[in-house]
Amino acid sequence: TVPLQKPALETVRSSLRLLNASAYRLQSECRKTVPPEPGAAVDYQLLTQQVIQCAYDIAKAAKQLVTITTREKKQ
C-alpha cells in the first residue's frame, strides 16, 4: 500500500474528527429521548431535527473517508 499524501492525511483526520464528534452528539441526543424524571417535557420535534443533523454529519464524514480511500487505491 502507498502511504497517504499529506493533504489526504489531513482530510482523513478531519473526517474522523467529524465522525467521532457526530457519533458522540448522536448518542447524547438519543439519551434525551428518556426524560430525566417522569412527566418531564421532551421537545421531540427539536430532538428529531438534532438526530437528523447528526446522522447527516456521520454520513458526510463516511463519504469523505470512502472518497479518499477510493482515490488512494487508484493511484
Protein backbone atom coordinates (compact mmCIF):
# COMPACT_ATOMS: atom_id res chain seq x y z
CA THR A 1 0.00 0.00 0.00
CA VAL A 2 1.05 3.55 -0.72
CA PRO A 3 1.15 5.91 2.28
CA LEU A 4 -1.38 8.73 2.24
CA GLN A 5 -0.19 12.07 0.95
CA LYS A 6 -0.12 14.97 3.44
CA PRO A 7 -3.36 16.68 2.22
CA ALA A 8 -5.18 13.35 2.15
CA LEU A 9 -3.94 12.51 5.64
CA GLU A 10 -5.25 15.82 6.98
CA THR A 11 -8.60 15.20 5.27
CA VAL A 12 -8.77 11.74 6.84
CA ARG A 13 -8.06 13.19 10.26
CA SER A 14 -10.68 15.89 9.74
CA SER A 15 -13.25 13.33 8.59
CA LEU A 16 -12.51 11.08 11.55
CA ARG A 17 -12.91 14.02 13.94
CA LEU A 18 -16.27 14.87 12.37
CA LEU A 19 -17.34 11.23 12.51
CA ASN A 20 -16.33 10.87 16.15
CA ALA A 21 -17.91 14.17 17.26
CA SER A 22 -21.14 13.45 15.36
CA ALA A 23 -21.42 9.94 16.80
CA TYR A 24 -20.91 11.34 20.30
CA ARG A 25 -23.55 14.03 19.65
CA LEU A 26 -25.97 11.43 18.26
CA GLN A 27 -25.54 9.32 21.38
CA SER A 28 -26.14 12.37 23.56
CA GLU A 29 -29.25 13.41 21.62
CA CYS A 30 -30.70 9.89 21.78
CA ARG A 31 -30.28 9.85 25.55
CA LYS A 32 -32.55 12.90 25.71
CA THR A 33 -35.49 10.81 24.49
CA VAL A 34 -35.77 9.43 28.01
CA PRO A 35 -36.95 12.24 30.30
CA PRO A 36 -34.75 12.78 33.37
CA GLU A 37 -37.85 12.44 35.53
CA PRO A 38 -41.36 11.11 34.90
CA GLY A 39 -43.61 13.70 33.34
CA ALA A 40 -40.77 15.96 32.20
CA ALA A 41 -41.37 17.59 28.83
CA VAL A 42 -39.31 16.47 25.85
CA ASP A 43 -39.27 18.54 22.65
CA TYR A 44 -39.37 15.64 20.20
CA GLN A 45 -39.51 17.89 17.14
CA LEU A 46 -36.24 19.61 18.07
CA LEU A 47 -34.73 16.31 19.14
CA THR A 48 -35.64 14.75 15.80
CA GLN A 49 -34.00 17.63 13.93
CA GLN A 50 -30.85 17.22 16.02
CA VAL A 51 -30.72 13.47 15.37
CA ILE A 52 -31.20 14.04 11.64
CA GLN A 53 -28.35 16.58 11.63
CA CYS A 54 -26.07 14.14 13.48
CA ALA A 55 -26.92 11.36 11.03
CA TYR A 56 -26.21 13.71 8.12
CA ASP A 57 -22.81 14.64 9.57
CA ILE A 58 -21.96 10.96 10.12
CA ALA A 59 -22.89 10.16 6.52
CA LYS A 60 -20.87 13.13 5.26
CA ALA A 61 -17.76 12.03 7.18
CA ALA A 62 -18.17 8.45 5.99
CA LYS A 63 -18.49 9.62 2.37
CA GLN A 64 -15.32 11.69 2.71
CA LEU A 65 -13.44 8.66 4.02
CA VAL A 66 -14.72 6.43 1.22
CA THR A 67 -13.79 9.05 -1.38
CA ILE A 68 -10.25 9.40 -0.02
CA THR A 69 -9.76 5.65 0.27
CA THR A 70 -11.03 5.04 -3.26
CA ARG A 71 -8.84 7.82 -4.67
CA GLU A 72 -5.74 6.47 -2.89
CA LYS A 73 -6.35 2.94 -4.21
CA LYS A 74 -6.50 4.23 -7.80
CA GLN A 75 -3.12 5.96 -7.54
